[in-house]
Amino acid sequence: MFARSVLALTLVAAASLAHADAKVLKKVAPEYPNEAVKRNITAGSVRAKMNIAGDGKVANVEVVEAEPKRVFDRAAVEALSQWKFEGTGAAQTHEVKLVFKSED
């Protein structure tokens, strides 16, 4: 059995409509996809854009770029959908890059 983990969650850029920075209150790390293990893919990344509602909940997640394509997308979207930000009362947009790396 492979020991799988996401080694790095890297905030790439905060592009907020209401404020310069979106404060993350809760991060959920994505699970390493079984498809990647089966295909012997040991690393990858997903850059995603999140729409954040005024109450800080993630309203929508869109994959902007992924390498390799369509391998880590679902895991990234599922995890990012569970993130929670500090509520500002205004909608925001935030970009994040998730880096996946398998550990044996």
Protein backbone atom coordinates (compact mmCIF):
# COMPACT_ATOMS: atom_id res chain seq x y z
CA MET A 1 0.00 0.00 0.00
CA PHE A 2 1.29 3.43 -0.89
CA ALA A 3 1.55 6.12 1.73
CA ARG A 4 -0.13 9.01 -0.04
CA SER A 5 -0.16 12.62 0.93
CA VAL A 6 -0.29 16.12 -0.35
CA LEU A 7 3.04 17.63 0.62
CA ALA A 8 2.36 21.26 -0.05
CA LEU A 9 -0.59 23.58 -0.15
CA THR A 10 0.76 26.77 -1.60
CA LEU A 11 -1.17 29.98 -1.80
CA VAL A 12 -0.21 31.37 -5.18
CA ALA A 13 -2.07 34.64 -5.39
CA ALA A 14 -4.92 36.36 -3.70
CA ALA A 15 -7.06 38.24 -6.18
CA SER A 16 -9.75 39.61 -3.96
CA LEU A 17 -12.52 41.86 -5.14
CA ALA A 18 -13.22 43.29 -1.70
CA HIS A 19 -9.90 43.00 0.16
CA ALA A 20 -6.25 42.45 -0.69
CA ASP A 21 -6.03 39.19 1.27
CA ALA A 22 -8.48 36.43 2.07
CA LYS A 23 -7.82 34.98 5.52
CA VAL A 24 -8.15 31.20 5.55
CA LEU A 25 -9.78 29.85 8.71
CA LYS A 26 -10.01 26.18 7.69
CA LYS A 27 -7.99 24.23 5.12
CA VAL A 28 -8.84 20.71 4.03
CA ALA A 29 -6.02 18.80 2.37
CA PRO A 30 -7.02 16.81 -0.73
CA GLU A 31 -6.61 13.05 -0.82
CA TYR A 32 -4.12 11.61 -3.27
CA PRO A 33 -6.27 10.09 -6.03
CA ASN A 34 -6.24 6.30 -6.54
CA GLU A 35 -6.17 6.93 -10.30
CA ALA A 36 -2.79 8.64 -9.92
CA VAL A 37 -1.45 5.69 -7.92
CA LYS A 38 -2.72 3.18 -10.51
CA ARG A 39 -1.09 5.19 -13.30
CA ASN A 40 2.19 5.60 -11.33
CA ILE A 41 1.85 9.39 -11.31
CA THR A 42 3.93 10.56 -8.37
CA ALA A 43 3.43 14.32 -8.55
CA GLY A 44 1.28 17.06 -9.98
CA SER A 45 -0.40 20.36 -9.30
CA VAL A 46 -3.72 22.14 -9.65
CA ARG A 47 -4.24 25.89 -9.78
CA ALA A 48 -7.83 26.77 -8.91
CA LYS A 49 -9.97 29.87 -8.55
CA MET A 50 -12.47 30.00 -5.70
CA ASN A 51 -15.47 32.27 -5.34
CA ILE A 52 -15.96 33.08 -1.67
CA ALA A 53 -19.32 34.25 -0.37
CA GLY A 54 -19.61 37.14 2.08
CA ASP A 55 -19.91 34.67 4.98
CA GLY A 56 -16.55 33.08 4.09
CA LYS A 57 -17.89 29.85 2.58
CA VAL A 58 -16.52 28.70 -0.75
CA ALA A 59 -19.30 29.12 -3.30
CA ASN A 60 -17.59 27.74 -6.40
CA VAL A 61 -14.24 26.21 -7.38
CA GLU A 62 -12.90 26.29 -10.94
CA VAL A 63 -9.72 24.53 -12.09
CA VAL A 64 -7.62 27.05 -14.00
CA GLU A 65 -4.61 24.86 -14.75
CA ALA A 66 -3.62 21.28 -13.91
CA GLU A 67 -0.56 19.15 -14.55
CA PRO A 68 -1.16 16.41 -15.48
CA LYS A 69 -4.59 17.27 -16.79
CA ARG A 70 -7.67 15.75 -15.12
CA VAL A 71 -5.76 13.56 -12.65
CA PHE A 72 -5.89 15.71 -9.51
CA ASP A 73 -8.78 18.03 -10.45
CA ARG A 74 -11.58 16.24 -8.56
CA ALA A 75 -9.54 15.84 -5.37
CA ALA A 76 -8.58 19.52 -5.47
CA VAL A 77 -12.15 20.75 -6.06
CA GLU A 78 -13.59 18.51 -3.32
CA ALA A 79 -11.01 19.71 -0.78
CA LEU A 80 -11.17 23.40 -1.70
CA SER A 81 -14.97 23.33 -1.52
CA GLN A 82 -14.60 22.58 2.19
CA TRP A 83 -12.26 25.48 2.94
CA LYS A 84 -13.57 28.33 5.08
CA PHE A 85 -12.46 31.96 4.98
CA GLU A 86 -13.03 34.85 7.33
CA GLY A 87 -16.32 36.47 6.35
CA THR A 88 -16.01 40.00 5.02
CA GLY A 89 -19.63 40.60 4.04
CA ALA A 90 -18.59 40.87 0.40
CA ALA A 91 -17.93 38.27 -2.28
CA GLN A 92 -14.27 37.61 -3.10
CA THR A 93 -12.20 35.63 -5.58
CA HIS A 94 -9.09 33.76 -4.45
CA GLU A 95 -6.56 31.63 -6.35
CA VAL A 96 -4.68 28.70 -4.84
CA LYS A 97 -2.14 26.22 -6.16
CA LEU A 98 -2.17 22.73 -4.67
CA VAL A 99 0.96 20.64 -5.15
CA PHE A 100 0.56 16.86 -4.96
CA LYS A 101 3.42 14.45 -4.25
CA SER A 102 3.19 10.77 -3.46
CA GLU A 103 5.32 9.38 -0.66
CA ASP A 104 6.13 5.70 -0.48
